[in-house]
């Protein structure tokens, strides 16, 4: 990876922060925290965030509201929902497939799996950026030669889902 990432964690009770801080330090990434959705939105507005990790334990429905807002306003920011609710896996998978979130993680948090997930997501984001850059370059080059090429390529592919308990479902593995 050539660039350091900025990761914003949003959780009312800082359960993950210590583990995420260790992961970010090992990966030489910058870790920011917020304890509520409003504070997270202020941070998102003030600087580029590569990964937004939101704990579903935020008061009210603010975790999903925050993820929706981030999807609309900062679509290139990767969104991870951390939840205790592994019994609603089908619902969480639907959210991933619809693009509401990029991944979900269930507790308890395993630092090495979290590190792998972050690394993979950041690599995926870097590849998407490079693909977009190459498509733009190609479009520019074809305009020079007055060639009409349809390049409406969807860069966002369905995303694999990783859980922190190390057990990926068969449906998730099929996506890989």
Protein backbone atom coordinates (compact mmCIF):
# COMPACT_ATOMS: atom_id res chain seq x y z
CA UNK A 1 0.00 0.00 0.00
CA UNK A 2 1.41 3.32 -0.98
CA UNK A 3 -0.68 5.69 1.04
CA UNK A 4 -1.67 5.92 4.68
CA UNK A 5 -5.35 5.86 5.39
CA UNK A 6 -7.49 7.84 7.78
CA UNK A 7 -9.90 5.68 9.76
CA UNK A 8 -12.77 7.17 11.78
CA UNK A 9 -14.38 5.02 14.48
CA UNK A 10 -17.74 6.05 15.89
CA UNK A 11 -18.85 4.35 19.09
CA UNK A 12 -20.63 5.56 22.21
CA UNK A 13 -18.69 3.15 24.44
CA UNK A 14 -15.07 2.96 23.27
CA UNK A 15 -14.98 -0.84 23.11
CA UNK A 16 -13.12 -1.14 19.83
CA UNK A 17 -10.97 1.95 19.99
CA UNK A 18 -8.00 0.37 21.82
CA UNK A 19 -7.90 -2.57 19.41
CA UNK A 20 -8.33 -0.36 16.37
CA UNK A 21 -5.62 1.98 17.59
CA UNK A 22 -3.17 -0.96 17.71
CA UNK A 23 -4.19 -2.07 14.22
CA UNK A 24 -3.88 1.45 12.81
CA UNK A 25 -0.48 1.93 14.40
CA UNK A 26 0.83 -1.32 12.87
CA UNK A 27 -0.51 -0.28 9.48
CA UNK A 28 0.79 3.30 9.88
CA UNK A 29 -2.70 4.65 9.45
CA UNK A 30 -4.27 7.59 11.22
CA UNK A 31 -7.05 6.81 13.67
CA UNK A 32 -9.76 9.31 14.60
CA UNK A 33 -12.64 8.74 16.98
CA UNK A 34 -16.09 10.16 17.60
CA UNK A 35 -18.60 9.23 20.26
CA UNK A 36 -21.75 10.28 18.41
CA UNK A 37 -23.05 10.70 14.87
CA UNK A 38 -22.99 14.54 14.87
CA UNK A 39 -19.33 14.56 15.87
CA UNK A 40 -18.55 12.02 13.12
CA UNK A 41 -20.34 14.15 10.50
CA UNK A 42 -18.27 17.18 11.54
CA UNK A 43 -15.10 15.14 11.07
CA UNK A 44 -16.27 13.80 7.69
CA UNK A 45 -17.01 17.36 6.57
CA UNK A 46 -13.64 18.67 7.67
CA UNK A 47 -11.26 16.07 6.22
CA UNK A 48 -11.13 13.05 3.92
CA UNK A 49 -11.89 9.77 5.66
CA UNK A 50 -10.98 6.47 3.98
CA UNK A 51 -12.79 4.10 6.34
CA UNK A 52 -15.76 4.83 8.61
CA UNK A 53 -16.33 2.19 11.30
CA UNK A 54 -19.66 2.65 13.10
CA UNK A 55 -20.80 0.74 16.16
CA UNK A 56 -24.51 -0.09 16.08
CA UNK A 57 -24.63 0.73 19.80
CA UNK A 58 -24.99 4.45 19.10
CA UNK A 59 -28.12 5.89 20.72
CA UNK A 60 -31.32 5.63 18.70
CA UNK A 61 -31.05 4.85 15.02
CA UNK A 62 -28.15 7.23 14.57
CA UNK A 63 -25.72 4.48 13.45
CA UNK A 64 -27.80 3.67 10.36
CA UNK A 65 -28.58 7.36 9.78
CA UNK A 66 -24.85 8.12 9.88
CA UNK A 67 -24.04 5.31 7.45
CA UNK A 68 -26.81 6.49 5.08
CA UNK A 69 -25.52 10.07 5.21
CA UNK A 70 -21.95 8.92 4.61
CA UNK A 71 -23.05 6.83 1.64
CA UNK A 72 -24.84 9.79 0.05
CA UNK A 73 -22.27 12.51 0.76
CA UNK A 74 -18.97 10.60 0.73
CA UNK A 75 -19.50 7.54 -1.48
CA UNK A 76 -15.80 6.71 -1.69
CA UNK A 77 -15.55 6.37 2.10
CA UNK A 78 -15.69 2.70 3.00
CA UNK A 79 -18.35 1.93 5.61
CA UNK A 80 -18.17 -0.84 8.22
CA UNK A 81 -20.94 -1.61 10.70
CA UNK A 82 -19.87 -3.35 13.92
CA UNK A 83 -22.65 -5.25 15.61
CA UNK A 84 -23.45 -7.83 18.28
CA UNK A 85 -26.44 -8.92 16.24
CA UNK A 86 -25.10 -11.95 14.40
CA UNK A 87 -28.62 -13.38 14.41
CA UNK A 88 -29.66 -10.89 11.72
CA UNK A 89 -26.96 -11.96 9.26
CA UNK A 90 -29.39 -12.12 6.33
CA UNK A 91 -30.42 -8.52 6.93
CA UNK A 92 -26.77 -7.45 7.24
CA UNK A 93 -25.87 -9.30 4.04
CA UNK A 94 -28.71 -7.50 2.24
CA UNK A 95 -27.24 -4.19 3.45
CA UNK A 96 -23.85 -5.15 2.00
CA UNK A 97 -25.32 -6.26 -1.32
CA UNK A 98 -27.40 -3.08 -1.59
CA UNK A 99 -24.30 -0.97 -0.92
CA UNK A 100 -25.62 0.49 2.34
CA UNK A 101 -22.44 -0.73 4.04
CA UNK A 102 -19.25 -2.21 2.64
CA UNK A 103 -18.74 -4.76 5.40
CA UNK A 104 -20.09 -5.76 8.75
CA UNK A 105 -18.15 -7.20 11.64
CA UNK A 106 -19.52 -9.01 14.64
CA UNK A 107 -18.09 -8.95 18.12
CA UNK A 108 -15.94 -9.99 19.84
CA UNK A 109 -13.30 -8.10 17.88
CA UNK A 110 -10.23 -10.10 16.93
CA UNK A 111 -7.40 -7.62 16.21
CA UNK A 112 -5.68 -9.72 13.54
CA UNK A 113 -8.93 -10.28 11.63
CA UNK A 114 -9.74 -6.59 11.94
CA UNK A 115 -6.31 -5.75 10.54
CA UNK A 116 -6.85 -8.11 7.58
CA UNK A 117 -10.30 -6.64 6.92
CA UNK A 118 -9.01 -3.07 6.98
CA UNK A 119 -6.06 -3.93 4.75
CA UNK A 120 -8.29 -5.71 2.21
CA UNK A 121 -10.84 -2.90 2.16
CA UNK A 122 -8.17 -0.25 1.71
CA UNK A 123 -6.56 -2.25 -1.10
CA UNK A 124 -9.98 -2.60 -2.75
CA UNK A 125 -10.50 1.15 -2.49
CA UNK A 126 -7.06 1.83 -3.96
CA UNK A 127 -7.83 -0.49 -6.89
CA UNK A 128 -11.17 1.25 -7.50
CA UNK A 129 -9.44 4.65 -7.58
CA UNK A 130 -6.83 3.34 -10.01
CA UNK A 131 -9.53 1.81 -12.22
CA UNK A 132 -11.40 5.12 -12.32
CA UNK A 133 -8.17 6.97 -13.13
CA UNK A 134 -7.36 4.57 -15.96
CA UNK A 135 -10.90 4.83 -17.36
CA UNK A 136 -10.67 8.63 -17.34
CA UNK A 137 -7.28 8.48 -19.07
CA UNK A 138 -8.70 6.11 -21.66
CA UNK A 139 -11.72 8.38 -22.21
CA UNK A 140 -9.39 11.35 -22.69
CA UNK A 141 -7.25 9.41 -25.17
CA UNK A 142 -10.24 8.19 -27.19
CA UNK A 143 -11.54 11.76 -27.44
CA UNK A 144 -8.23 12.80 -29.03
CA UNK A 145 -8.77 10.23 -31.77
CA UNK A 146 -12.50 10.96 -31.99
CA UNK A 147 -13.39 7.38 -31.08
CA UNK A 148 -16.76 6.73 -29.49
CA UNK A 149 -16.31 4.10 -26.80
CA UNK A 150 -18.94 3.16 -24.24
CA UNK A 151 -17.11 2.91 -20.93
CA UNK A 152 -19.99 2.81 -18.50
CA UNK A 153 -18.25 0.28 -16.32
CA UNK A 154 -19.50 -0.40 -12.83
CA UNK A 155 -16.47 -0.28 -10.55
CA UNK A 156 -18.31 -1.27 -7.37
CA UNK A 157 -18.51 -5.04 -7.32
CA UNK A 158 -20.36 -7.01 -4.64
CA UNK A 159 -18.18 -7.12 -1.56
CA UNK A 160 -17.19 -10.16 0.46
CA UNK A 161 -18.26 -10.07 4.08
CA UNK A 162 -15.92 -10.94 6.90
CA UNK A 163 -16.92 -11.47 10.47
CA UNK A 164 -14.64 -11.21 13.44
CA UNK A 165 -15.42 -14.73 14.58
CA UNK A 166 -13.55 -16.08 11.56
CA UNK A 167 -16.52 -17.91 10.07
CA UNK A 168 -17.54 -16.72 6.62
CA UNK A 169 -20.80 -18.04 5.33
CA UNK A 170 -20.87 -20.14 2.17
CA UNK A 171 -22.73 -17.36 0.39
CA UNK A 172 -19.95 -14.93 1.26
CA UNK A 173 -17.24 -17.24 -0.02
CA UNK A 174 -19.11 -17.65 -3.33
CA UNK A 175 -18.77 -13.89 -3.81
CA UNK A 176 -14.98 -14.16 -3.62
